[in-house]
C-alpha cells in the first residue's frame, strides 16, 4: 500500500513538472515571436505612406495574390536583366521611416520561381536618401540561399552591415532587395528582429 502511495506521489510530481515546463516553453515561444517587428507585409492599409515599392533597377514589381507567405498579398518582382534586378520596399510606418539602430536582424520571406539556390542582397536607405543602390560596397549578402518554388526565410545580421557615410539607422525609409538572376520572385513579411 505504501509503495503504491509513493508511486502515485512520484507520478503526480512528474505530471505537475511537465505542466510547468510546457507552460514555460509556451511563454518563451510567445516572447520570441513578439520580438519581431513587421517592417512591411504588403497588406492593404498597413500604415505605408503612398507606394509600397518601386523599381530601382531592372525589375517589374507588382502585388501578387496567388503566391503569398501570409495574409492576402505579397510583392511579385520580375527581374528582367540576366544579371537580376533591384526593388525598393518602403517601410510600413505612418512616420515614413523606422529605427533600425537597435535591431539585430532583418528577415524576409522569398519565394524563388527563377532557379533557386540564390543569395539575396540588401541595402538600407534613410529619409535623406543616404545609402541605397550605387556603385559601392554598401550592401550585405545573405548567407542562406533561396529554394526553388518554395518559401525561404532569408536573414541579414545588421551588426555586419557596412558603415555607410551619413546613413541614419534611426530613420530608415526603404529596404532595397537585389536578386542576382533573371526571373520571378515573391517577397513577403519583412521583419526586424530585436
C-alpha atoms as a PDB file:
ATOM      1  CA  UNK A   1       0.000   0.000   0.000  1.00  0.00           C
ATOM      2  CA  UNK A   2       2.764   2.388   0.957  1.00  0.00           C
ATOM      3  CA  UNK A   3       4.604   1.543  -2.321  1.00  0.00           C
ATOM      4  CA  UNK A   4       1.524   2.434  -4.382  1.00  0.00           C
ATOM      5  CA  UNK A   5       1.159   5.701  -2.498  1.00  0.00           C
ATOM      6  CA  UNK A   6       4.796   6.612  -3.217  1.00  0.00           C
ATOM      7  CA  UNK A   7       4.372   5.678  -6.902  1.00  0.00           C
ATOM      8  CA  UNK A   8       1.242   7.831  -7.163  1.00  0.00           C
ATOM      9  CA  UNK A   9       3.036  10.726  -5.499  1.00  0.00           C
ATOM     10  CA  UNK A  10       6.029  10.431  -7.884  1.00  0.00           C
ATOM     11  CA  UNK A  11       3.772  10.177 -10.949  1.00  0.00           C
ATOM     12  CA  UNK A  12       1.837  13.233  -9.743  1.00  0.00           C
ATOM     13  CA  UNK A  13       5.059  15.221  -9.322  1.00  0.00           C
ATOM     14  CA  UNK A  14       6.224  14.211 -12.810  1.00  0.00           C
ATOM     15  CA  UNK A  15       2.873  15.261 -14.284  1.00  0.00           C
ATOM     16  CA  UNK A  16       2.987  18.606 -12.471  1.00  0.00           C
ATOM     17  CA  UNK A  17       6.583  19.173 -13.671  1.00  0.00           C
ATOM     18  CA  UNK A  18       5.526  18.512 -17.274  1.00  0.00           C
ATOM     19  CA  UNK A  19       2.713  21.068 -16.987  1.00  0.00           C
ATOM     20  CA  UNK A  20       5.067  23.713 -15.580  1.00  0.00           C
ATOM     21  CA  UNK A  21       7.743  23.040 -18.226  1.00  0.00           C
ATOM     22  CA  UNK A  22       5.165  23.156 -21.026  1.00  0.00           C
ATOM     23  CA  UNK A  23       3.787  26.484 -19.746  1.00  0.00           C
ATOM     24  CA  UNK A  24       7.320  27.934 -19.565  1.00  0.00           C
ATOM     25  CA  UNK A  25       8.059  26.737 -23.121  1.00  0.00           C
ATOM     26  CA  UNK A  26       4.841  28.326 -24.441  1.00  0.00           C
ATOM     27  CA  UNK A  27       5.641  31.600 -22.660  1.00  0.00           C
ATOM     28  CA  UNK A  28       9.187  31.560 -24.076  1.00  0.00           C
ATOM     29  CA  UNK A  29       7.831  30.930 -27.591  1.00  0.00           C
ATOM     30  CA  UNK A  30       5.383  33.837 -27.245  1.00  0.00           C
ATOM     31  CA  UNK A  31       8.188  36.138 -26.099  1.00  0.00           C
ATOM     32  CA  UNK A  32      10.432  35.177 -29.027  1.00  0.00           C
ATOM     33  CA  UNK A  33       7.581  35.634 -31.502  1.00  0.00           C
ATOM     34  CA  UNK A  34       6.779  39.076 -30.143  1.00  0.00           C
ATOM     35  CA  UNK A  35      10.369  40.253 -30.610  1.00  0.00           C
ATOM     36  CA  UNK A  36       9.875  40.521 -34.385  1.00  0.00           C
ATOM     37  CA  UNK A  37       8.503  43.839 -35.684  1.00  0.00           C
ATOM     38  CA  UNK A  38       6.817  43.996 -39.083  1.00  0.00           C
ATOM     39  CA  UNK A  39       8.531  46.401 -41.465  1.00  0.00           C
ATOM     40  CA  UNK A  40       6.331  45.544 -44.459  1.00  0.00           C
ATOM     41  CA  UNK A  41       3.729  42.827 -45.055  1.00  0.00           C
ATOM     42  CA  UNK A  42       2.250  44.290 -48.280  1.00  0.00           C
ATOM     43  CA  UNK A  43      -1.279  44.183 -46.852  1.00  0.00           C
ATOM     44  CA  UNK A  44      -3.760  46.993 -47.560  1.00  0.00           C
ATOM     45  CA  UNK A  45      -3.914  49.855 -45.049  1.00  0.00           C
ATOM     46  CA  UNK A  46      -0.871  48.706 -43.052  1.00  0.00           C
ATOM     47  CA  UNK A  47       0.483  52.206 -42.417  1.00  0.00           C
ATOM     48  CA  UNK A  48       2.542  52.522 -45.606  1.00  0.00           C
ATOM     49  CA  UNK A  49       2.606  56.058 -46.968  1.00  0.00           C
ATOM     50  CA  UNK A  50       1.950  56.254 -50.745  1.00  0.00           C
ATOM     51  CA  UNK A  51       3.632  53.486 -52.764  1.00  0.00           C
ATOM     52  CA  UNK A  52       4.667  50.209 -51.135  1.00  0.00           C
ATOM     53  CA  UNK A  53       7.542  49.534 -53.548  1.00  0.00           C
ATOM     54  CA  UNK A  54       9.409  50.870 -56.564  1.00  0.00           C
ATOM     55  CA  UNK A  55      11.671  49.602 -59.298  1.00  0.00           C
ATOM     56  CA  UNK A  56      15.277  50.531 -58.534  1.00  0.00           C
ATOM     57  CA  UNK A  57      16.957  48.607 -61.345  1.00  0.00           C
ATOM     58  CA  UNK A  58      15.609  46.196 -63.977  1.00  0.00           C
ATOM     59  CA  UNK A  59      12.507  44.910 -62.163  1.00  0.00           C
ATOM     60  CA  UNK A  60       8.794  44.956 -62.820  1.00  0.00           C
ATOM     61  CA  UNK A  61       7.236  44.890 -59.329  1.00  0.00           C
ATOM     62  CA  UNK A  62       3.545  44.342 -58.572  1.00  0.00           C
ATOM     63  CA  UNK A  63       1.287  42.874 -55.913  1.00  0.00           C
ATOM     64  CA  UNK A  64       0.512  39.157 -56.114  1.00  0.00           C
ATOM     65  CA  UNK A  65      -2.418  37.325 -54.548  1.00  0.00           C
ATOM     66  CA  UNK A  66      -1.760  33.807 -55.827  1.00  0.00           C
ATOM     67  CA  UNK A  67       1.567  33.141 -54.063  1.00  0.00           C
ATOM     68  CA  UNK A  68       1.732  34.626 -50.552  1.00  0.00           C
ATOM     69  CA  UNK A  69       3.572  33.664 -47.389  1.00  0.00           C
ATOM     70  CA  UNK A  70       0.905  35.151 -45.102  1.00  0.00           C
ATOM     71  CA  UNK A  71      -2.042  37.485 -45.463  1.00  0.00           C
ATOM     72  CA  UNK A  72      -3.724  38.256 -48.764  1.00  0.00           C
ATOM     73  CA  UNK A  73      -0.871  39.539 -50.921  1.00  0.00           C
ATOM     74  CA  UNK A  74       2.877  39.567 -51.474  1.00  0.00           C
ATOM     75  CA  UNK A  75       5.261  41.509 -53.712  1.00  0.00           C
ATOM     76  CA  UNK A  76       5.984  39.852 -57.061  1.00  0.00           C
ATOM     77  CA  UNK A  77       9.102  41.045 -58.831  1.00  0.00           C
ATOM     78  CA  UNK A  78      10.116  40.140 -62.326  1.00  0.00           C
ATOM     79  CA  UNK A  79      13.880  40.646 -62.678  1.00  0.00           C
ATOM     80  CA  UNK A  80      14.220  41.419 -66.385  1.00  0.00           C
ATOM     81  CA  UNK A  81      18.008  41.566 -66.699  1.00  0.00           C
ATOM     82  CA  UNK A  82      20.126  38.416 -66.917  1.00  0.00           C
ATOM     83  CA  UNK A  83      22.116  39.897 -64.003  1.00  0.00           C
ATOM     84  CA  UNK A  84      18.937  40.159 -61.899  1.00  0.00           C
ATOM     85  CA  UNK A  85      17.271  43.294 -60.562  1.00  0.00           C
ATOM     86  CA  UNK A  86      16.666  45.511 -57.535  1.00  0.00           C
ATOM     87  CA  UNK A  87      13.394  46.560 -55.919  1.00  0.00           C
ATOM     88  CA  UNK A  88      12.899  49.157 -53.188  1.00  0.00           C
ATOM     89  CA  UNK A  89      10.460  48.303 -50.394  1.00  0.00           C
ATOM     90  CA  UNK A  90       9.012  51.174 -48.345  1.00  0.00           C
ATOM     91  CA  UNK A  91       8.625  50.501 -44.641  1.00  0.00           C
ATOM     92  CA  UNK A  92       5.103  50.392 -43.229  1.00  0.00           C
ATOM     93  CA  UNK A  93       5.128  53.360 -40.883  1.00  0.00           C
ATOM     94  CA  UNK A  94       2.951  56.423 -40.524  1.00  0.00           C
ATOM     95  CA  UNK A  95       6.168  58.399 -39.966  1.00  0.00           C
ATOM     96  CA  UNK A  96       7.627  57.117 -43.248  1.00  0.00           C
ATOM     97  CA  UNK A  97      10.637  55.558 -41.512  1.00  0.00           C
ATOM     98  CA  UNK A  98      11.680  53.118 -38.783  1.00  0.00           C
ATOM     99  CA  UNK A  99      14.527  52.984 -36.279  1.00  0.00           C
ATOM    100  CA  UNK A 100      16.823  50.024 -37.013  1.00  0.00           C
ATOM    101  CA  UNK A 101      19.639  51.174 -34.724  1.00  0.00           C
ATOM    102  CA  UNK A 102      18.847  48.595 -32.024  1.00  0.00           C
ATOM    103  CA  UNK A 103      17.763  45.828 -34.378  1.00  0.00           C
ATOM    104  CA  UNK A 104      19.702  42.590 -34.643  1.00  0.00           C
ATOM    105  CA  UNK A 105      18.478  41.125 -37.929  1.00  0.00           C
ATOM    106  CA  UNK A 106      16.229  41.866 -40.865  1.00  0.00           C
ATOM    107  CA  UNK A 107      14.226  38.955 -42.182  1.00  0.00           C
ATOM    108  CA  UNK A 108      12.236  38.499 -45.397  1.00  0.00           C
ATOM    109  CA  UNK A 109      10.466  35.516 -46.886  1.00  0.00           C
ATOM    110  CA  UNK A 110      11.464  34.847 -50.514  1.00  0.00           C
ATOM    111  CA  UNK A 111       9.754  32.513 -52.986  1.00  0.00           C
ATOM    112  CA  UNK A 112      12.205  31.911 -55.841  1.00  0.00           C
ATOM    113  CA  UNK A 113      10.388  30.855 -59.026  1.00  0.00           C
ATOM    114  CA  UNK A 114      13.543  31.528 -61.088  1.00  0.00           C
ATOM    115  CA  UNK A 115      16.134  28.837 -60.412  1.00  0.00           C
ATOM    116  CA  UNK A 116      16.657  28.646 -56.649  1.00  0.00           C
ATOM    117  CA  UNK A 117      19.973  28.433 -54.808  1.00  0.00           C
ATOM    118  CA  UNK A 118      20.428  32.231 -54.861  1.00  0.00           C
ATOM    119  CA  UNK A 119      21.818  34.539 -52.209  1.00  0.00           C
ATOM    120  CA  UNK A 120      19.992  37.850 -51.827  1.00  0.00           C
ATOM    121  CA  UNK A 121      21.496  41.302 -51.311  1.00  0.00           C
ATOM    122  CA  UNK A 122      20.107  44.012 -49.021  1.00  0.00           C
ATOM    123  CA  UNK A 123      20.742  47.767 -48.899  1.00  0.00           C
ATOM    124  CA  UNK A 124      19.263  50.291 -46.481  1.00  0.00           C
ATOM    125  CA  UNK A 125      18.197  53.829 -47.373  1.00  0.00           C
ATOM    126  CA  UNK A 126      17.274  56.651 -44.981  1.00  0.00           C
ATOM    127  CA  UNK A 127      14.835  59.558 -45.276  1.00  0.00           C
ATOM    128  CA  UNK A 128      17.594  61.862 -46.597  1.00  0.00           C
ATOM    129  CA  UNK A 129      18.456  59.481 -49.462  1.00  0.00           C
ATOM    130  CA  UNK A 130      21.680  58.200 -47.885  1.00  0.00           C
ATOM    131  CA  UNK A 131      22.512  54.574 -48.591  1.00  0.00           C
ATOM    132  CA  UNK A 132      20.583  52.560 -51.120  1.00  0.00           C
ATOM    133  CA  UNK A 133      21.766  51.451 -54.541  1.00  0.00           C
ATOM    134  CA  UNK A 134      25.002  52.609 -56.061  1.00  0.00           C
ATOM    135  CA  UNK A 135      28.437  51.643 -57.318  1.00  0.00           C
ATOM    136  CA  UNK A 136      29.832  50.904 -53.879  1.00  0.00           C
ATOM    137  CA  UNK A 137      30.206  48.123 -51.351  1.00  0.00           C
ATOM    138  CA  UNK A 138      27.447  49.356 -49.067  1.00  0.00           C
ATOM    139  CA  UNK A 139      25.369  46.196 -49.077  1.00  0.00           C
ATOM    140  CA  UNK A 140      25.113  42.835 -47.372  1.00  0.00           C
ATOM    141  CA  UNK A 141      24.599  39.404 -48.940  1.00  0.00           C
ATOM    142  CA  UNK A 142      22.526  36.721 -47.251  1.00  0.00           C
ATOM    143  CA  UNK A 143      24.358  33.627 -46.077  1.00  0.00           C
ATOM    144  CA  UNK A 144      21.304  31.443 -46.671  1.00  0.00           C
ATOM    145  CA  UNK A 145      20.224  30.613 -50.222  1.00  0.00           C
ATOM    146  CA  UNK A 146      16.739  30.505 -51.697  1.00  0.00           C
ATOM    147  CA  UNK A 147      14.974  27.288 -52.643  1.00  0.00           C
ATOM    148  CA  UNK A 148      13.245  26.859 -55.982  1.00  0.00           C
ATOM    149  CA  UNK A 149       9.455  27.104 -55.835  1.00  0.00           C
ATOM    150  CA  UNK A 150       9.376  27.309 -52.028  1.00  0.00           C
ATOM    151  CA  UNK A 151       9.288  29.987 -49.353  1.00  0.00           C
ATOM    152  CA  UNK A 152      12.653  30.542 -47.649  1.00  0.00           C
ATOM    153  CA  UNK A 153      13.271  32.878 -44.729  1.00  0.00           C
ATOM    154  CA  UNK A 154      16.329  34.995 -45.521  1.00  0.00           C
ATOM    155  CA  UNK A 155      18.015  36.930 -42.682  1.00  0.00           C
ATOM    156  CA  UNK A 156      20.745  39.555 -42.549  1.00  0.00           C
ATOM    157  CA  UNK A 157      22.717  40.350 -39.400  1.00  0.00           C
ATOM    158  CA  UNK A 158      22.603  44.144 -39.002  1.00  0.00           C
ATOM    159  CA  UNK A 159      25.814  44.076 -36.952  1.00  0.00           C
ATOM    160  CA  UNK A 160      27.583  43.027 -40.189  1.00  0.00           C
ATOM    161  CA  UNK A 161      26.029  45.808 -42.277  1.00  0.00           C
ATOM    162  CA  UNK A 162      28.805  48.089 -43.618  1.00  0.00           C
ATOM    163  CA  UNK A 163      29.331  51.584 -42.251  1.00  0.00           C
ATOM    164  CA  UNK A 164      27.660  53.866 -44.801  1.00  0.00           C
ATOM    165  CA  UNK A 165      28.570  57.546 -44.796  1.00  0.00           C
ATOM    166  CA  UNK A 166      25.740  59.694 -43.370  1.00  0.00           C
ATOM    167  CA  UNK A 167      23.275  56.746 -43.233  1.00  0.00           C
ATOM    168  CA  UNK A 168      20.945  57.356 -40.282  1.00  0.00           C
ATOM    169  CA  UNK A 169      19.825  53.968 -38.959  1.00  0.00           C
ATOM    170  CA  UNK A 170      17.214  55.710 -36.812  1.00  0.00           C
ATOM    171  CA  UNK A 171      15.370  56.910 -39.955  1.00  0.00           C
ATOM    172  CA  UNK A 172      15.360  54.057 -42.487  1.00  0.00           C
ATOM    173  CA  UNK A 173      12.652  54.666 -45.090  1.00  0.00           C
ATOM    174  CA  UNK A 174      13.257  51.797 -47.511  1.00  0.00           C
ATOM    175  CA  UNK A 175      14.940  48.454 -47.878  1.00  0.00           C
ATOM    176  CA  UNK A 176      16.362  47.535 -51.264  1.00  0.00           C
ATOM    177  CA  UNK A 177      16.484  43.895 -52.310  1.00  0.00           C
ATOM    178  CA  UNK A 178      18.692  42.713 -55.176  1.00  0.00           C
ATOM    179  CA  UNK A 179      18.094  39.298 -56.755  1.00  0.00           C
ATOM    180  CA  UNK A 180      21.085  38.139 -58.835  1.00  0.00           C
ATOM    181  CA  UNK A 181      19.309  36.087 -61.500  1.00  0.00           C
ATOM    182  CA  UNK A 182      16.670  36.954 -64.090  1.00  0.00           C
ATOM    183  CA  UNK A 183      13.221  35.566 -63.306  1.00  0.00           C
ATOM    184  CA  UNK A 184      10.230  35.815 -60.991  1.00  0.00           C
ATOM    185  CA  UNK A 185      10.453  36.161 -57.213  1.00  0.00           C
ATOM    186  CA  UNK A 186       7.872  36.767 -54.497  1.00  0.00           C
ATOM    187  CA  UNK A 187       8.695  38.682 -51.311  1.00  0.00           C
ATOM    188  CA  UNK A 188       6.640  38.823 -48.123  1.00  0.00           C
ATOM    189  CA  UNK A 189       6.784  39.543 -44.386  1.00  0.00           C
ATOM    190  CA  UNK A 190       9.772  41.858 -43.990  1.00  0.00           C
ATOM    191  CA  UNK A 191      10.584  41.957 -40.263  1.00  0.00           C
ATOM    192  CA  UNK A 192      13.035  43.482 -37.833  1.00  0.00           C
ATOM    193  CA  UNK A 193      14.257  41.093 -35.167  1.00  0.00           C
ATOM    194  CA  UNK A 194      15.287  42.858 -31.973  1.00  0.00           C
END
